Every structure is written in C-alpha cells, then in structure tokens.
C-alpha atoms as a PDB file:
ATOM      1  CA  UNK A   1       0.000   0.000   0.000  1.00  0.00           C
ATOM      2  CA  UNK A   2       2.789   2.389   0.931  1.00  0.00           C
ATOM      3  CA  UNK A   3       4.606   1.709  -2.382  1.00  0.00           C
ATOM      4  CA  UNK A   4       1.420   2.422  -4.357  1.00  0.00           C
ATOM      5  CA  UNK A   5       0.917   5.714  -2.514  1.00  0.00           C
ATOM      6  CA  UNK A   6       4.533   6.748  -3.130  1.00  0.00           C
ATOM      7  CA  UNK A   7       4.221   5.859  -6.824  1.00  0.00           C
ATOM      8  CA  UNK A   8       0.990   7.845  -7.122  1.00  0.00           C
ATOM      9  CA  UNK A   9       2.599  10.929  -5.517  1.00  0.00           C
ATOM     10  CA  UNK A  10       5.608  10.713  -7.838  1.00  0.00           C
ATOM     11  CA  UNK A  11       3.337  10.357 -10.871  1.00  0.00           C
ATOM     12  CA  UNK A  12       1.230  13.307  -9.729  1.00  0.00           C
ATOM     13  CA  UNK A  13       4.382  15.393  -9.355  1.00  0.00           C
ATOM     14  CA  UNK A  14       5.580  14.471 -12.843  1.00  0.00           C
ATOM     15  CA  UNK A  15       2.228  15.178 -14.480  1.00  0.00           C
ATOM     16  CA  UNK A  16       1.949  18.576 -12.812  1.00  0.00           C
ATOM     17  CA  UNK A  17       5.389  19.646 -14.042  1.00  0.00           C
ATOM     18  CA  UNK A  18       4.541  21.066 -17.481  1.00  0.00           C
ATOM     19  CA  UNK A  19       6.860  23.820 -18.719  1.00  0.00           C
ATOM     20  CA  UNK A  20       5.028  27.055 -19.426  1.00  0.00           C
ATOM     21  CA  UNK A  21       5.950  30.634 -20.308  1.00  0.00           C
ATOM     22  CA  UNK A  22       3.306  33.348 -20.141  1.00  0.00           C
ATOM     23  CA  UNK A  23       3.387  37.081 -20.847  1.00  0.00           C
ATOM     24  CA  UNK A  24      -0.183  38.376 -20.397  1.00  0.00           C
ATOM     25  CA  UNK A  25      -1.564  40.648 -23.087  1.00  0.00           C
ATOM     26  CA  UNK A  26      -4.773  42.596 -23.538  1.00  0.00           C
ATOM     27  CA  UNK A  27      -7.257  43.201 -26.321  1.00  0.00           C
ATOM     28  CA  UNK A  28      -8.095  41.078 -29.305  1.00  0.00           C
ATOM     29  CA  UNK A  29      -9.646  37.655 -29.446  1.00  0.00           C
ATOM     30  CA  UNK A  30      -7.987  34.747 -27.631  1.00  0.00           C
ATOM     31  CA  UNK A  31      -7.420  31.443 -29.410  1.00  0.00           C
ATOM     32  CA  UNK A  32      -5.635  28.339 -28.087  1.00  0.00           C
ATOM     33  CA  UNK A  33      -4.127  25.901 -30.544  1.00  0.00           C
ATOM     34  CA  UNK A  34      -2.592  22.539 -29.682  1.00  0.00           C
ATOM     35  CA  UNK A  35       0.612  21.431 -31.354  1.00  0.00           C
ATOM     36  CA  UNK A  36      -0.115  19.816 -34.716  1.00  0.00           C
ATOM     37  CA  UNK A  37      -3.472  21.596 -35.093  1.00  0.00           C
ATOM     38  CA  UNK A  38      -4.773  24.587 -37.041  1.00  0.00           C
ATOM     39  CA  UNK A  39      -7.100  27.426 -36.062  1.00  0.00           C
ATOM     40  CA  UNK A  40      -8.732  30.197 -38.083  1.00  0.00           C
ATOM     41  CA  UNK A  41      -9.527  33.860 -37.486  1.00  0.00           C
ATOM     42  CA  UNK A  42     -11.421  35.425 -40.405  1.00  0.00           C
ATOM     43  CA  UNK A  43      -9.157  34.714 -43.452  1.00  0.00           C
ATOM     44  CA  UNK A  44      -6.103  33.998 -41.259  1.00  0.00           C
ATOM     45  CA  UNK A  45      -5.049  30.381 -40.797  1.00  0.00           C
ATOM     46  CA  UNK A  46      -2.786  29.605 -37.827  1.00  0.00           C
ATOM     47  CA  UNK A  47      -0.901  26.361 -37.292  1.00  0.00           C
ATOM     48  CA  UNK A  48       1.289  25.266 -34.379  1.00  0.00           C
ATOM     49  CA  UNK A  49       3.911  23.084 -36.024  1.00  0.00           C
ATOM     50  CA  UNK A  50       6.189  22.483 -33.041  1.00  0.00           C
ATOM     51  CA  UNK A  51       6.910  23.524 -29.450  1.00  0.00           C
ATOM     52  CA  UNK A  52      10.476  23.201 -28.205  1.00  0.00           C
ATOM     53  CA  UNK A  53      13.097  24.657 -25.883  1.00  0.00           C
ATOM     54  CA  UNK A  54      15.751  26.845 -27.502  1.00  0.00           C
ATOM     55  CA  UNK A  55      18.444  29.315 -26.508  1.00  0.00           C
ATOM     56  CA  UNK A  56      17.325  32.925 -26.703  1.00  0.00           C
ATOM     57  CA  UNK A  57      19.284  36.139 -26.146  1.00  0.00           C
ATOM     58  CA  UNK A  58      17.320  38.536 -23.913  1.00  0.00           C
ATOM     59  CA  UNK A  59      17.394  42.363 -23.958  1.00  0.00           C
ATOM     60  CA  UNK A  60      20.387  42.402 -21.578  1.00  0.00           C
ATOM     61  CA  UNK A  61      22.366  40.092 -23.876  1.00  0.00           C
ATOM     62  CA  UNK A  62      22.088  37.086 -21.547  1.00  0.00           C
ATOM     63  CA  UNK A  63      21.527  33.650 -23.058  1.00  0.00           C
ATOM     64  CA  UNK A  64      18.439  31.870 -21.681  1.00  0.00           C
ATOM     65  CA  UNK A  65      16.795  28.586 -22.540  1.00  0.00           C
ATOM     66  CA  UNK A  66      13.123  29.361 -23.270  1.00  0.00           C
ATOM     67  CA  UNK A  67      10.087  27.672 -24.724  1.00  0.00           C
ATOM     68  CA  UNK A  68       9.594  28.512 -28.387  1.00  0.00           C
ATOM     69  CA  UNK A  69       6.932  27.653 -30.918  1.00  0.00           C
ATOM     70  CA  UNK A  70       7.074  27.243 -34.686  1.00  0.00           C
ATOM     71  CA  UNK A  71       3.946  28.863 -36.142  1.00  0.00           C
ATOM     72  CA  UNK A  72       2.645  28.829 -39.683  1.00  0.00           C
ATOM     73  CA  UNK A  73       0.375  31.745 -40.663  1.00  0.00           C
ATOM     74  CA  UNK A  74      -1.503  31.931 -43.931  1.00  0.00           C
ATOM     75  CA  UNK A  75      -4.000  34.291 -45.535  1.00  0.00           C
ATOM     76  CA  UNK A  76      -6.317  33.191 -48.321  1.00  0.00           C
ATOM     77  CA  UNK A  77      -6.266  35.520 -51.269  1.00  0.00           C
ATOM     78  CA  UNK A  78      -4.884  36.153 -54.708  1.00  0.00           C
ATOM     79  CA  UNK A  79      -2.057  35.477 -54.264  1.00  0.00           C
ATOM     80  CA  UNK A  80      -2.253  33.605 -50.943  1.00  0.00           C
ATOM     81  CA  UNK A  81       0.342  34.470 -48.294  1.00  0.00           C
ATOM     82  CA  UNK A  82       2.105  32.019 -45.994  1.00  0.00           C
ATOM     83  CA  UNK A  83       4.921  32.630 -43.507  1.00  0.00           C
ATOM     84  CA  UNK A  84       6.604  30.609 -40.797  1.00  0.00           C
ATOM     85  CA  UNK A  85       7.738  32.135 -37.499  1.00  0.00           C
ATOM     86  CA  UNK A  86       9.794  30.976 -34.508  1.00  0.00           C
ATOM     87  CA  UNK A  87       8.269  32.805 -31.514  1.00  0.00           C
ATOM     88  CA  UNK A  88       8.493  33.122 -27.744  1.00  0.00           C
ATOM     89  CA  UNK A  89       5.857  34.268 -25.233  1.00  0.00           C
ATOM     90  CA  UNK A  90       5.490  38.053 -25.321  1.00  0.00           C
ATOM     91  CA  UNK A  91       6.337  38.352 -29.010  1.00  0.00           C
ATOM     92  CA  UNK A  92       4.062  40.100 -31.536  1.00  0.00           C
ATOM     93  CA  UNK A  93       4.035  39.246 -35.241  1.00  0.00           C
ATOM     94  CA  UNK A  94       2.159  40.853 -38.124  1.00  0.00           C
ATOM     95  CA  UNK A  95       0.976  39.308 -41.383  1.00  0.00           C
ATOM     96  CA  UNK A  96      -1.180  41.339 -43.743  1.00  0.00           C
ATOM     97  CA  UNK A  97      -3.930  43.054 -41.758  1.00  0.00           C
ATOM     98  CA  UNK A  98      -3.516  40.759 -38.758  1.00  0.00           C
ATOM     99  CA  UNK A  99      -1.591  41.203 -35.526  1.00  0.00           C
ATOM    100  CA  UNK A 100      -0.777  38.065 -33.499  1.00  0.00           C
ATOM    101  CA  UNK A 101       0.463  38.338 -29.897  1.00  0.00           C
ATOM    102  CA  UNK A 102       1.940  35.170 -28.340  1.00  0.00           C
ATOM    103  CA  UNK A 103       0.562  35.161 -24.809  1.00  0.00           C
ATOM    104  CA  UNK A 104       1.541  31.679 -23.636  1.00  0.00           C
ATOM    105  CA  UNK A 105       3.485  28.634 -24.750  1.00  0.00           C
ATOM    106  CA  UNK A 106       2.725  25.573 -22.657  1.00  0.00           C
ATOM    107  CA  UNK A 107       4.283  22.127 -22.688  1.00  0.00           C
ATOM    108  CA  UNK A 108       6.547  20.621 -25.305  1.00  0.00           C
ATOM    109  CA  UNK A 109       5.194  17.341 -26.678  1.00  0.00           C
ATOM    110  CA  UNK A 110       1.569  18.038 -27.676  1.00  0.00           C
ATOM    111  CA  UNK A 111       1.622  21.375 -25.875  1.00  0.00           C
ATOM    112  CA  UNK A 112      -0.450  24.412 -26.777  1.00  0.00           C
ATOM    113  CA  UNK A 113      -0.034  28.064 -27.671  1.00  0.00           C
ATOM    114  CA  UNK A 114      -2.355  30.869 -26.552  1.00  0.00           C
ATOM    115  CA  UNK A 115      -2.591  33.752 -29.036  1.00  0.00           C
ATOM    116  CA  UNK A 116      -4.343  37.144 -29.006  1.00  0.00           C
ATOM    117  CA  UNK A 117      -5.515  38.082 -32.496  1.00  0.00           C
ATOM    118  CA  UNK A 118      -6.507  41.465 -33.912  1.00  0.00           C
ATOM    119  CA  UNK A 119      -7.529  42.628 -37.321  1.00  0.00           C
ATOM    120  CA  UNK A 120      -5.775  45.929 -38.069  1.00  0.00           C
END
C-alpha cells in the first residue's frame, strides 16, 4: 500500500510539471491551438507546427533557454500568403492586416499556444 501511494505521488508530481511561459496581453480575441493543429480567425489560418526549448538572447544580452513555438500563418487571397515564425511568449508578429500576440506557450510534446488576435 505504501509503495502504491509513493508511486501515485511521484506520478502526480511528474504530471503537474509542465513547462510554461506566459506574458499576459490585452485586447483582441484569444485562441488556443494545440501542437499539430490549425485554427482560423477570419481569413487567417494559424498552425502550431512544433513547441520546443531553444536558446534565446534577452534584452540584456544574456543567453536563456526558453520555450519557443514554430507557427505557420496563412492568408487566403490572390495570391495567398504564408509565412513561418519561430516565436516566444510576449512576441508580436504581423501578417497582412492581422496582428498576433503570443501570450503563452505551454508544454513541449503536444503542448499548446495561446494567441491574441486582432484585425488591423
């Protein structure tokens, strides 16, 4: 019984230890997309291709290991537009008339990204 309880506590500790980076934003519509999935916002298609840890140089020039996400953004049209971005929480990207703020990157394998979207 004691071994089962110890195993359950260890498992609970491991499950609750999901890496996450969050930089709260304001305004716009919030959308959460799991890794490997696609979301839409008007004509804008958003895909989360990958979530991974990578070295990043901060404003002070210090090297930090941070969660990053590989996003694919596309806009239907003539001609259609598609761009790929490597982003971190707190970063804002623009494609066409759309502004995308990366509010949170959570997890690595099958994690999710929280975005704030605005039409400009």
